[in-house]
Amino acid sequence: MVLYINVVGISQPGVEAYGVRPSLIRTLKNSNIVTVGEADTFAKQGGMIQFITIENKLRFIINLKAAKAAGFDLDSRLLSLALELIK
């Protein structure tokens, strides 16, 4: 299962600007759900795949630690395409 989390421009306690509520990521941490989002710090906050646009091209960052915690083993071909890997 894939869960796309779209959080843009919120200003609430516990949520960074353009960030993700940390409790949501903690809740999904050990589930078999791939978390995907676009928030500026999504992968650093524990999301698995963060999409970013650079010069009109869609790129992505992968959080390997989060993926492994949820039981996912990502293919090396996918990892080689990532802009950044968070270990």
Foldseek 3Di string as FASTA:
>chain_A
DEDEDEDAQDDDPCADHLGDRLVVLVVCQQALYQYEYARPCHVVSQHAKHWDADPNDIAIEGEPVSCVSNPHDDDVVNVVRHPYYHD
